Amino acid sequence: MATKSMIRQKLGNKVFTSYVPATDEDAKSFADALLPGEYEILALKGETGSDSVTDGYRVWSVMIKSDETDTKAYLTFATPLNKTSDDIINALSGKTFNNVKADEVIIINARAIQFANDSDDSSS
């Protein structure tokens, strides 16, 4: 796997995300030399899972809300079809995303999707 680092840069109230083909140390050196505003270098802690495509997925759009700060964050992600709204709520509750602690988890939308199978593509 090629080395890749993620840089989250904050300028005013905007956040920019960049992926650079560099180690975390080189990405920090790059950011120190060139990037204005605040930034953080995010490191890969490990990999799990599989990139194999299954029969289908569900794409979730979720809002999390902090009761204490009255702030919200929105998340969109794909899960296997067998994951339920209870699974989503349990997995997110109490966690912090974008500096928002998920005291409340509100599911906005969930829709089933299916990816085309590359091996069935006879157009080449």
Protein backbone atom coordinates (compact mmCIF):
# COMPACT_ATOMS: atom_id res chain seq x y z
CA MET A 1 0.00 0.00 0.00
CA ALA A 2 1.33 3.43 -0.94
CA THR A 3 1.96 5.91 1.83
CA LYS A 4 -0.73 8.56 2.09
CA SER A 5 -1.45 11.22 4.71
CA MET A 6 -4.53 13.33 5.23
CA ILE A 7 -4.24 17.04 6.06
CA ARG A 8 -7.26 18.86 7.53
CA GLN A 9 -6.73 22.59 7.19
CA LYS A 10 -8.95 25.20 8.83
CA LEU A 11 -9.12 28.71 7.40
CA GLY A 12 -11.69 30.82 9.22
CA ASN A 13 -14.86 28.76 9.30
CA LYS A 14 -13.89 26.58 6.31
CA VAL A 15 -12.21 23.19 6.53
CA PHE A 16 -10.26 21.74 3.61
CA THR A 17 -9.14 18.13 3.39
CA SER A 18 -6.16 17.09 1.29
CA TYR A 19 -4.58 13.70 0.75
CA VAL A 20 -0.89 13.78 -0.04
CA PRO A 21 1.30 10.87 -1.16
CA ALA A 22 3.74 11.27 1.72
CA THR A 23 4.56 10.02 5.18
CA ASP A 24 3.01 11.89 8.10
CA GLU A 25 6.38 13.52 8.82
CA ASP A 26 6.73 14.77 5.24
CA ALA A 27 3.11 15.93 5.18
CA LYS A 28 3.74 17.94 8.38
CA SER A 29 6.89 19.45 6.91
CA PHE A 30 4.93 20.44 3.80
CA ALA A 31 2.13 21.95 5.90
CA ASP A 32 4.57 23.82 8.17
CA ALA A 33 6.25 25.40 5.16
CA LEU A 34 3.21 26.32 3.08
CA LEU A 35 -0.21 26.13 4.69
CA PRO A 36 -1.82 29.09 6.45
CA GLY A 37 -4.38 28.69 9.23
CA GLU A 38 -4.69 25.73 11.55
CA TYR A 39 -4.09 22.20 10.31
CA GLU A 40 -3.73 18.66 11.54
CA ILE A 41 -2.10 15.63 9.99
CA LEU A 42 -4.17 12.47 10.41
CA ALA A 43 -2.41 9.13 10.50
CA LEU A 44 -3.61 5.74 9.37
CA LYS A 45 -3.86 3.53 12.46
CA GLY A 46 -4.52 0.28 10.63
CA GLU A 47 -6.70 -1.39 8.07
CA THR A 48 -9.52 -3.86 8.40
CA GLY A 49 -12.33 -4.99 6.21
CA SER A 50 -12.50 -6.03 2.61
CA ASP A 51 -12.89 -4.21 -0.68
CA SER A 52 -14.99 -7.03 -2.14
CA VAL A 53 -18.43 -5.97 -3.34
CA THR A 54 -21.38 -7.82 -1.88
CA ASP A 55 -24.96 -7.98 -3.13
CA GLY A 56 -25.93 -4.56 -1.90
CA TYR A 57 -25.47 -1.72 0.51
CA ARG A 58 -27.50 0.91 2.27
CA VAL A 59 -26.38 4.53 2.20
CA TRP A 60 -27.26 6.36 5.39
CA SER A 61 -27.53 10.11 5.94
CA VAL A 62 -27.41 10.82 9.65
CA MET A 63 -27.44 13.91 11.85
CA ILE A 64 -25.77 13.77 15.24
CA LYS A 65 -26.49 16.38 17.89
CA SER A 66 -24.80 17.34 21.12
CA ASP A 67 -27.23 18.15 23.93
CA GLU A 68 -24.55 20.05 25.85
CA THR A 69 -23.35 22.38 23.08
CA ASP A 70 -26.46 22.24 20.83
CA THR A 71 -24.18 21.62 17.82
CA LYS A 72 -24.86 19.25 14.94
CA ALA A 73 -22.83 17.27 12.42
CA TYR A 74 -23.94 15.34 9.38
CA LEU A 75 -22.52 11.98 8.28
CA THR A 76 -23.07 9.92 5.14
CA PHE A 77 -21.76 6.36 4.84
CA ALA A 78 -22.53 2.96 3.32
CA THR A 79 -23.16 -0.25 5.24
CA PRO A 80 -24.16 -3.77 4.26
CA LEU A 81 -27.93 -4.21 3.86
CA ASN A 82 -28.16 -6.26 7.06
CA LYS A 83 -27.34 -3.24 9.29
CA THR A 84 -30.41 -1.70 10.91
CA SER A 85 -31.19 1.75 12.24
CA ASP A 86 -30.62 0.36 15.76
CA ASP A 87 -27.12 -0.77 14.68
CA ILE A 88 -26.38 2.74 13.38
CA ILE A 89 -27.68 4.48 16.50
CA ASN A 90 -25.77 2.13 18.81
CA ALA A 91 -22.52 2.51 16.84
CA LEU A 92 -22.65 6.33 16.83
CA SER A 93 -24.15 7.15 20.24
CA GLY A 94 -21.68 8.78 22.60
CA LYS A 95 -18.97 9.08 19.94
CA THR A 96 -17.56 12.44 18.77
CA PHE A 97 -17.41 13.43 15.11
CA ASN A 98 -16.35 16.89 13.89
CA ASN A 99 -16.19 18.01 17.54
CA VAL A 100 -19.85 17.05 18.07
CA LYS A 101 -20.65 14.40 20.69
CA ALA A 102 -23.49 12.19 19.46
CA ASP A 103 -25.95 12.49 22.32
CA GLU A 104 -28.75 12.22 19.77
CA VAL A 105 -28.58 10.29 16.49
CA ILE A 106 -31.21 11.15 13.91
CA ILE A 107 -31.45 9.11 10.72
CA ILE A 108 -32.38 11.44 7.89
CA ASN A 109 -32.36 8.98 5.03
CA ALA A 110 -31.45 5.39 4.22
CA ARG A 111 -31.53 3.99 0.71
CA ALA A 112 -30.44 0.68 -0.76
CA ILE A 113 -27.87 0.77 -3.56
CA GLN A 114 -26.16 -1.83 -5.68
CA PHE A 115 -22.84 -1.50 -7.47
CA ALA A 116 -22.40 -2.75 -11.01
CA ASN A 117 -20.33 -5.89 -11.15
CA ASP A 118 -17.25 -5.21 -13.29
CA SER A 119 -17.02 -8.84 -14.39
CA ASP A 120 -20.46 -8.56 -16.06
CA ASP A 121 -19.33 -5.62 -18.19
CA SER A 122 -19.27 -6.90 -21.78
CA SER A 123 -18.91 -3.48 -23.39
CA SER A 124 -15.11 -3.63 -23.61
